[in-house]
Amino acid sequence: MDYSLFEDAKCISMIYKEKMPDLQNVEIVKMVITPGEDAEIRITLDTLELPQNMPSKWLLQEINTVQLEIAFIGIELIDFNLTNGMNCHFAISNNKGRKHVCITNIADGKKISLDAKWIYVKQISAYIKQTSDEEQWI
């Protein structure tokens, strides 16, 4: 994952330090599309990739999932065919001055593909993902 393509990934680097997550096996939890001149997609995703040196609060609470909300602004949709948000490969590359984003479902190969002018991390949080429907947020 090339974090230099983000406008500001400081909140991720402050938590993950020198070993940033590669986001190769994520679950899409939520997606919000806002149309307009600079159309936007906000994707909330869960990763089990934990920081090597976790914040002490996270250690005490024994979190097992990190959640990122990422905003893609000034988008142009190329492909939109994702049927299941679990176990996705997340990739960002440079494409002629724009950021090319591809989220591929590992199980069936279906994907969301788009170009964006800007990419921002809007929020990062952590929680305990239970095997049941109950989850405890930190």
N, C-alpha and C. Protein backbone atom coordinates (compact mmCIF):
# COMPACT_ATOMS: atom_id res chain seq x y z
N MET A 1 0.86 -1.17 0.00
CA MET A 1 0.00 0.00 0.00
C MET A 1 0.91 1.23 0.00
N ASP A 2 0.66 2.12 -0.93
CA ASP A 2 1.46 3.35 -1.04
C ASP A 2 0.73 4.49 -0.34
N TYR A 3 1.10 4.73 0.90
CA TYR A 3 0.44 5.77 1.69
C TYR A 3 0.83 7.18 1.26
N SER A 4 1.84 7.31 0.42
CA SER A 4 2.21 8.64 -0.08
C SER A 4 1.13 9.19 -1.01
N LEU A 5 0.23 8.34 -1.50
CA LEU A 5 -0.87 8.79 -2.36
C LEU A 5 -2.03 9.39 -1.57
N PHE A 6 -2.01 9.25 -0.25
CA PHE A 6 -3.01 9.87 0.61
C PHE A 6 -2.63 11.34 0.81
N GLU A 7 -3.63 12.19 0.93
CA GLU A 7 -3.35 13.60 1.23
C GLU A 7 -2.78 13.74 2.63
N ASP A 8 -3.25 12.90 3.55
CA ASP A 8 -2.76 12.94 4.92
C ASP A 8 -3.05 11.60 5.59
N ALA A 9 -2.01 10.85 5.84
CA ALA A 9 -2.17 9.54 6.49
C ALA A 9 -1.51 9.56 7.87
N LYS A 10 -1.38 10.77 8.46
CA LYS A 10 -0.71 10.90 9.76
C LYS A 10 -1.39 10.10 10.85
N CYS A 11 -2.71 10.04 10.85
CA CYS A 11 -3.39 9.31 11.92
C CYS A 11 -3.06 7.82 11.87
N ILE A 12 -2.83 7.29 10.67
CA ILE A 12 -2.43 5.88 10.56
C ILE A 12 -0.98 5.71 11.01
N SER A 13 -0.10 6.60 10.54
CA SER A 13 1.32 6.46 10.90
C SER A 13 1.57 6.73 12.37
N MET A 14 0.74 7.53 13.01
CA MET A 14 0.90 7.78 14.45
C MET A 14 0.60 6.51 15.25
N ILE A 15 -0.28 5.68 14.76
CA ILE A 15 -0.64 4.45 15.46
C ILE A 15 0.23 3.27 15.02
N TYR A 16 0.44 3.15 13.71
CA TYR A 16 1.17 1.99 13.20
C TYR A 16 2.69 2.20 13.18
N LYS A 17 3.13 3.44 13.31
CA LYS A 17 4.56 3.79 13.31
C LYS A 17 5.25 3.31 12.03
N GLU A 18 6.31 2.50 12.17
CA GLU A 18 7.12 2.12 11.01
C GLU A 18 6.54 0.97 10.18
N LYS A 19 5.58 0.23 10.69
CA LYS A 19 4.99 -0.91 9.96
C LYS A 19 3.52 -0.62 9.66
N MET A 20 3.29 0.06 8.54
CA MET A 20 1.93 0.42 8.13
C MET A 20 1.19 -0.83 7.64
N PRO A 21 -0.13 -0.86 7.81
CA PRO A 21 -0.90 -2.04 7.37
C PRO A 21 -0.93 -2.13 5.85
N ASP A 22 -0.91 -3.35 5.33
CA ASP A 22 -0.93 -3.51 3.87
C ASP A 22 -2.35 -3.62 3.31
N LEU A 23 -3.35 -3.81 4.17
CA LEU A 23 -4.77 -3.83 3.79
C LEU A 23 -5.07 -4.85 2.69
N GLN A 24 -4.52 -6.04 2.83
CA GLN A 24 -4.72 -7.09 1.84
C GLN A 24 -5.87 -8.03 2.17
N ASN A 25 -6.41 -7.95 3.38
CA ASN A 25 -7.53 -8.81 3.75
C ASN A 25 -8.44 -8.01 4.67
N VAL A 26 -9.26 -7.15 4.07
CA VAL A 26 -10.11 -6.24 4.84
C VAL A 26 -11.58 -6.59 4.61
N GLU A 27 -12.41 -6.09 5.50
CA GLU A 27 -13.86 -6.23 5.37
C GLU A 27 -14.46 -4.85 5.20
N ILE A 28 -15.22 -4.66 4.15
CA ILE A 28 -15.92 -3.39 3.95
C ILE A 28 -17.16 -3.42 4.83
N VAL A 29 -17.22 -2.46 5.76
CA VAL A 29 -18.31 -2.41 6.72
C VAL A 29 -19.41 -1.47 6.26
N LYS A 30 -19.00 -0.37 5.60
CA LYS A 30 -19.97 0.65 5.20
C LYS A 30 -19.42 1.42 4.02
N MET A 31 -20.33 1.85 3.15
CA MET A 31 -19.94 2.66 2.00
C MET A 31 -21.01 3.72 1.79
N VAL A 32 -20.59 4.98 1.69
CA VAL A 32 -21.52 6.08 1.47
C VAL A 32 -21.05 6.83 0.23
N ILE A 33 -21.95 7.01 -0.73
CA ILE A 33 -21.64 7.72 -1.96
C ILE A 33 -22.37 9.06 -1.92
N THR A 34 -21.62 10.14 -2.14
CA THR A 34 -22.19 11.48 -2.19
C THR A 34 -21.95 12.05 -3.59
N PRO A 35 -23.03 12.20 -4.40
CA PRO A 35 -22.85 12.73 -5.75
C PRO A 35 -22.59 14.23 -5.72
N GLY A 36 -22.17 14.76 -6.84
CA GLY A 36 -21.92 16.19 -6.96
C GLY A 36 -20.73 16.45 -7.85
N GLU A 37 -20.33 17.72 -7.91
CA GLU A 37 -19.21 18.11 -8.76
C GLU A 37 -17.94 17.35 -8.37
N ASP A 38 -17.65 17.29 -7.09
CA ASP A 38 -16.55 16.47 -6.59
C ASP A 38 -17.15 15.29 -5.83
N ALA A 39 -17.73 14.35 -6.57
CA ALA A 39 -18.38 13.18 -5.98
C ALA A 39 -17.42 12.49 -5.02
N GLU A 40 -18.00 11.88 -4.00
CA GLU A 40 -17.20 11.29 -2.93
C GLU A 40 -17.75 9.91 -2.56
N ILE A 41 -16.83 9.00 -2.27
CA ILE A 41 -17.18 7.72 -1.66
C ILE A 41 -16.40 7.63 -0.36
N ARG A 42 -17.12 7.36 0.73
CA ARG A 42 -16.48 7.09 2.02
C ARG A 42 -16.65 5.61 2.30
N ILE A 43 -15.52 4.95 2.51
CA ILE A 43 -15.54 3.52 2.78
C ILE A 43 -14.99 3.29 4.18
N THR A 44 -15.77 2.56 4.97
CA THR A 44 -15.32 2.15 6.30
C THR A 44 -14.93 0.69 6.19
N LEU A 45 -13.70 0.39 6.61
CA LEU A 45 -13.23 -0.98 6.50
C LEU A 45 -12.57 -1.43 7.79
N ASP A 46 -12.67 -2.72 8.03
CA ASP A 46 -12.04 -3.37 9.19
C ASP A 46 -10.82 -4.13 8.73
N THR A 47 -9.77 -4.07 9.54
CA THR A 47 -8.59 -4.87 9.30
C THR A 47 -8.17 -5.54 10.61
N LEU A 48 -7.65 -6.73 10.49
CA LEU A 48 -7.13 -7.45 11.65
C LEU A 48 -5.64 -7.19 11.82
N GLU A 49 -5.07 -6.37 10.94
CA GLU A 49 -3.65 -5.99 11.04
C GLU A 49 -3.51 -4.98 12.17
N LEU A 50 -2.96 -5.43 13.27
CA LEU A 50 -2.80 -4.57 14.44
C LEU A 50 -1.41 -3.94 14.44
N PRO A 51 -1.27 -2.76 15.05
CA PRO A 51 0.06 -2.14 15.15
C PRO A 51 1.00 -3.02 15.98
N GLN A 52 2.27 -3.03 15.61
CA GLN A 52 3.26 -3.81 16.38
C GLN A 52 3.37 -3.29 17.81
N ASN A 53 3.36 -1.97 17.96
CA ASN A 53 3.40 -1.33 19.27
C ASN A 53 2.06 -0.63 19.49
N MET A 54 1.09 -1.39 19.95
CA MET A 54 -0.27 -0.86 20.09
C MET A 54 -0.34 0.18 21.21
N PRO A 55 -1.24 1.15 21.04
CA PRO A 55 -1.49 2.09 22.13
C PRO A 55 -1.87 1.33 23.41
N SER A 56 -1.42 1.83 24.55
CA SER A 56 -1.64 1.11 25.81
C SER A 56 -3.13 0.88 26.08
N LYS A 57 -3.98 1.83 25.73
CA LYS A 57 -5.42 1.66 25.93
C LYS A 57 -5.93 0.45 25.13
N TRP A 58 -5.43 0.28 23.92
CA TRP A 58 -5.84 -0.84 23.09
C TRP A 58 -5.33 -2.15 23.68
N LEU A 59 -4.11 -2.15 24.21
CA LEU A 59 -3.56 -3.36 24.83
C LEU A 59 -4.39 -3.79 26.03
N LEU A 60 -4.74 -2.81 26.86
CA LEU A 60 -5.53 -3.11 28.06
C LEU A 60 -6.90 -3.66 27.71
N GLN A 61 -7.47 -3.15 26.66
CA GLN A 61 -8.81 -3.59 26.24
C GLN A 61 -8.77 -4.84 25.36
N GLU A 62 -7.57 -5.27 24.97
CA GLU A 62 -7.39 -6.45 24.13
C GLU A 62 -8.16 -6.36 22.81
N ILE A 63 -8.03 -5.21 22.13
CA ILE A 63 -8.70 -5.05 20.85
C ILE A 63 -8.14 -6.04 19.84
N ASN A 64 -8.95 -6.37 18.84
CA ASN A 64 -8.49 -7.28 17.80
C ASN A 64 -8.82 -6.80 16.39
N THR A 65 -9.40 -5.60 16.27
CA THR A 65 -9.79 -5.07 14.97
C THR A 65 -9.57 -3.56 14.93
N VAL A 66 -8.98 -3.09 13.84
CA VAL A 66 -8.83 -1.66 13.61
C VAL A 66 -9.77 -1.28 12.48
N GLN A 67 -10.46 -0.15 12.66
CA GLN A 67 -11.41 0.31 11.65
C GLN A 67 -10.94 1.65 11.09
N LEU A 68 -10.91 1.74 9.77
CA LEU A 68 -10.52 2.97 9.07
C LEU A 68 -11.69 3.49 8.25
N GLU A 69 -11.89 4.78 8.29
CA GLU A 69 -12.85 5.42 7.38
C GLU A 69 -12.03 6.25 6.40
N ILE A 70 -12.13 5.91 5.13
CA ILE A 70 -11.33 6.56 4.10
C ILE A 70 -12.26 7.26 3.12
N ALA A 71 -11.96 8.53 2.80
CA ALA A 71 -12.76 9.31 1.85
C ALA A 71 -12.01 9.43 0.53
N PHE A 72 -12.70 9.12 -0.55
CA PHE A 72 -12.17 9.27 -1.90
C PHE A 72 -12.98 10.40 -2.54
N ILE A 73 -12.32 11.49 -2.89
CA ILE A 73 -13.01 12.70 -3.34
C ILE A 73 -12.65 13.00 -4.79
N GLY A 74 -13.64 13.52 -5.53
CA GLY A 74 -13.45 13.82 -6.95
C GLY A 74 -13.30 12.53 -7.73
N ILE A 75 -14.25 11.62 -7.50
CA ILE A 75 -14.12 10.27 -8.06
C ILE A 75 -14.71 10.14 -9.46
N GLU A 76 -14.19 9.16 -10.16
CA GLU A 76 -14.74 8.70 -11.42
C GLU A 76 -14.81 7.18 -11.31
N LEU A 77 -16.04 6.66 -11.26
CA LEU A 77 -16.22 5.21 -11.14
C LEU A 77 -15.85 4.52 -12.44
N ILE A 78 -15.10 3.43 -12.32
CA ILE A 78 -14.71 2.65 -13.48
C ILE A 78 -15.46 1.32 -13.48
N ASP A 79 -15.50 0.67 -12.33
CA ASP A 79 -16.17 -0.62 -12.18
C ASP A 79 -16.79 -0.66 -10.80
N PHE A 80 -18.02 -1.11 -10.69
CA PHE A 80 -18.70 -1.16 -9.40
C PHE A 80 -19.47 -2.47 -9.32
N ASN A 81 -18.79 -3.53 -8.88
CA ASN A 81 -19.39 -4.85 -8.89
C ASN A 81 -18.91 -5.66 -7.70
N LEU A 82 -19.14 -5.16 -6.50
CA LEU A 82 -18.72 -5.85 -5.29
C LEU A 82 -19.96 -6.41 -4.61
N THR A 83 -20.00 -7.72 -4.40
CA THR A 83 -21.21 -8.33 -3.86
C THR A 83 -21.11 -8.65 -2.38
N ASN A 84 -19.91 -8.83 -1.87
CA ASN A 84 -19.74 -9.20 -0.47
C ASN A 84 -18.54 -8.43 0.06
N GLY A 85 -18.71 -7.73 1.16
CA GLY A 85 -17.66 -6.87 1.67
C GLY A 85 -16.55 -7.56 2.42
N MET A 86 -16.63 -8.87 2.59
CA MET A 86 -15.64 -9.55 3.40
C MET A 86 -14.45 -10.02 2.57
N ASN A 87 -13.28 -10.07 3.20
CA ASN A 87 -12.06 -10.59 2.59
C ASN A 87 -11.73 -9.92 1.26
N CYS A 88 -11.50 -8.63 1.33
CA CYS A 88 -11.18 -7.85 0.14
C CYS A 88 -9.71 -7.43 0.12
N HIS A 89 -9.18 -7.32 -1.07
CA HIS A 89 -7.84 -6.80 -1.31
C HIS A 89 -8.00 -5.34 -1.68
N PHE A 90 -7.24 -4.47 -1.03
CA PHE A 90 -7.37 -3.02 -1.19
C PHE A 90 -6.07 -2.51 -1.79
N ALA A 91 -6.13 -1.85 -2.95
CA ALA A 91 -4.91 -1.36 -3.61
C ALA A 91 -5.12 0.06 -4.13
N ILE A 92 -4.08 0.89 -4.00
CA ILE A 92 -4.09 2.25 -4.53
C ILE A 92 -2.79 2.45 -5.31
N SER A 93 -2.92 3.01 -6.51
CA SER A 93 -1.75 3.30 -7.32
C SER A 93 -1.92 4.65 -8.00
N ASN A 94 -0.84 5.16 -8.56
CA ASN A 94 -0.88 6.44 -9.25
C ASN A 94 -1.26 6.19 -10.72
N ASN A 95 -2.19 6.99 -11.25
CA ASN A 95 -2.65 6.81 -12.62
C ASN A 95 -2.78 8.18 -13.29
N LYS A 96 -1.70 8.63 -13.92
CA LYS A 96 -1.71 9.89 -14.66
C LYS A 96 -2.19 11.06 -13.81
N GLY A 97 -1.61 11.21 -12.62
CA GLY A 97 -1.95 12.33 -11.75
C GLY A 97 -3.17 12.11 -10.87
N ARG A 98 -3.87 11.02 -11.06
CA ARG A 98 -5.01 10.67 -10.20
C ARG A 98 -4.65 9.41 -9.44
N LYS A 99 -5.39 9.16 -8.39
CA LYS A 99 -5.17 7.96 -7.60
C LYS A 99 -6.14 6.88 -8.07
N HIS A 100 -5.61 5.73 -8.45
CA HIS A 100 -6.45 4.63 -8.90
C HIS A 100 -6.66 3.68 -7.72
N VAL A 101 -7.93 3.42 -7.39
CA VAL A 101 -8.30 2.59 -6.25
C VAL A 101 -8.99 1.35 -6.78
N CYS A 102 -8.58 0.19 -6.28
CA CYS A 102 -9.21 -1.06 -6.67
C CYS A 102 -9.43 -1.91 -5.42
N ILE A 103 -10.68 -2.26 -5.16
CA ILE A 103 -11.05 -3.11 -4.04
C ILE A 103 -11.62 -4.38 -4.64
N THR A 104 -10.93 -5.49 -4.45
CA THR A 104 -11.30 -6.75 -5.09
C THR A 104 -11.70 -7.77 -4.05
N ASN A 105 -12.85 -8.40 -4.25
CA ASN A 105 -13.29 -9.49 -3.39
C ASN A 105 -12.42 -10.70 -3.70
N ILE A 106 -11.71 -11.19 -2.70
CA ILE A 106 -10.78 -12.30 -2.89
C ILE A 106 -11.51 -13.57 -3.32
N ALA A 107 -12.73 -13.77 -2.81
CA ALA A 107 -13.46 -15.01 -3.08
C ALA A 107 -13.96 -15.13 -4.53
N ASP A 108 -14.52 -14.02 -5.07
CA ASP A 108 -15.14 -14.14 -6.40
C ASP A 108 -14.53 -13.22 -7.46
N GLY A 109 -13.55 -12.39 -7.09
CA GLY A 109 -12.88 -11.53 -8.06
C GLY A 109 -13.66 -10.28 -8.45
N LYS A 110 -14.87 -10.10 -7.94
CA LYS A 110 -15.64 -8.90 -8.25
C LYS A 110 -14.98 -7.70 -7.58
N LYS A 111 -15.15 -6.50 -8.18
CA LYS A 111 -14.40 -5.37 -7.65
C LYS A 111 -15.11 -4.04 -7.81
N ILE A 112 -14.60 -3.10 -7.02
CA ILE A 112 -14.91 -1.68 -7.18
C ILE A 112 -13.61 -1.05 -7.65
N SER A 113 -13.69 -0.29 -8.73
CA SER A 113 -12.52 0.37 -9.27
C SER A 113 -12.89 1.82 -9.55
N LEU A 114 -12.04 2.74 -9.14
CA LEU A 114 -12.32 4.16 -9.34
C LEU A 114 -11.02 4.95 -9.38
N ASP A 115 -11.11 6.14 -9.95
CA ASP A 115 -10.03 7.11 -9.88
C ASP A 115 -10.51 8.24 -8.99
N ALA A 116 -9.60 8.78 -8.18
CA ALA A 116 -9.95 9.87 -7.26
C ALA A 116 -8.90 10.97 -7.34
N LYS A 117 -9.36 12.21 -7.13
CA LYS A 117 -8.42 13.33 -7.05
C LYS A 117 -7.68 13.31 -5.72
N TRP A 118 -8.42 13.03 -4.64
CA TRP A 118 -7.85 13.08 -3.31
C TRP A 118 -8.31 11.89 -2.48
N ILE A 119 -7.43 11.48 -1.55
CA ILE A 119 -7.75 10.40 -0.61
C ILE A 119 -7.36 10.86 0.78
N TYR A 120 -8.32 10.78 1.70
CA TYR A 120 -8.10 11.18 3.09
C TYR A 120 -8.51 10.06 4.04
N VAL A 121 -7.78 9.90 5.11
CA VAL A 121 -8.23 9.04 6.21
C VAL A 121 -9.02 9.96 7.13
N LYS A 122 -10.30 9.68 7.27
CA LYS A 122 -11.18 10.54 8.07
C LYS A 122 -11.20 10.13 9.53
N GLN A 123 -11.03 8.84 9.79
CA GLN A 123 -11.15 8.36 11.17
C GLN A 123 -10.47 7.01 11.30
N ILE A 124 -9.91 6.78 12.48
CA ILE A 124 -9.36 5.47 12.80
C ILE A 124 -9.79 5.13 14.22
N SER A 125 -10.25 3.91 14.42
CA SER A 125 -10.69 3.48 15.74
C SER A 125 -10.39 1.99 15.87
N ALA A 126 -10.64 1.46 17.05
CA ALA A 126 -10.39 0.04 17.29
C ALA A 126 -11.50 -0.51 18.17
N TYR A 127 -11.73 -1.80 18.02
CA TYR A 127 -12.75 -2.44 18.85
C TYR A 127 -12.48 -3.93 18.96
N ILE A 128 -13.23 -4.56 19.82
CA ILE A 128 -13.14 -6.00 20.00
C ILE A 128 -14.23 -6.63 19.15
N LYS A 129 -13.82 -7.34 18.13
CA LYS A 129 -14.78 -8.00 17.25
C LYS A 129 -15.10 -9.36 17.85
N GLN A 130 -16.34 -9.52 18.20
CA GLN A 130 -16.81 -10.77 18.81
C GLN A 130 -17.18 -11.77 17.73
N THR A 131 -17.27 -13.02 18.09
CA THR A 131 -17.73 -14.03 17.15
C THR A 131 -19.24 -13.93 16.97
N SER A 132 -19.93 -13.37 17.97
CA SER A 132 -21.37 -13.15 17.85
C SER A 132 -21.60 -11.75 17.31
N ASP A 133 -22.84 -11.29 17.32
CA ASP A 133 -23.15 -9.96 16.82
C ASP A 133 -22.76 -8.85 17.79
N GLU A 134 -22.37 -9.20 19.00
CA GLU A 134 -21.99 -8.19 19.98
C GLU A 134 -20.56 -7.75 19.75
N GLU A 135 -20.35 -6.43 19.71
CA GLU A 135 -19.02 -5.87 19.56
C GLU A 135 -18.84 -4.79 20.61
N GLN A 136 -17.63 -4.70 21.12
CA GLN A 136 -17.33 -3.71 22.15
C GLN A 136 -16.38 -2.67 21.56
N TRP A 137 -16.84 -1.42 21.46
CA TRP A 137 -16.04 -0.33 20.87
C TRP A 137 -15.15 0.29 21.92
N ILE A 138 -13.96 0.67 21.49
CA ILE A 138 -12.99 1.36 22.35
C ILE A 138 -12.91 2.79 21.92
